[in-house]
Amino acid sequence: MRARGFTLLEMLVATTIMGVAVVSLLASLSTSLRNAARLTQADRLALVARRQMDALLLDARLPKLTLISGQFDSSITGGVEAGWRARVTPFEMQPKAGPGAAVLERVELEIWWKAGRERTLRLEAYRR
């Protein structure tokens, strides 16, 4: 009569399968956490970029056709080295604007940050 239970070979195969599954699960979890951290950083810098664009749009004294730049305090960027470059240029909607036509300015903003390699985010807005 045969004893009930698993053989040693069956136990080794089951343990190996479980080990491979656990390692795969941990690798997947690690990748997900790394991607979530990167996404959080990009979200934070997108908000910083929007805040900088709002400040540029409100400042009527900005020099035209000149590249201006600055750096952000690391406390608002989550400890990441980051900065910005901007340019204000006249924007002509039509070749011949009639009386009462709005003269627009284009505000171009580029945010850069160093997270491993340098990354950038570009924003563009128009103002009167």
Foldseek 3Di string as FASTA:
>chain_A
DDDDDDDPVVVVVVVVVVVVVVVVVVVVVVVVVVVVVVVVLVVLVVVVQVVVVVVVQPDPPDDAPDKDKDWDDCVSNVNWTKMKIKHKYWDDPDPDDDPPDDTKIKIKMKMWTDDPHIDIDIDIDMDD
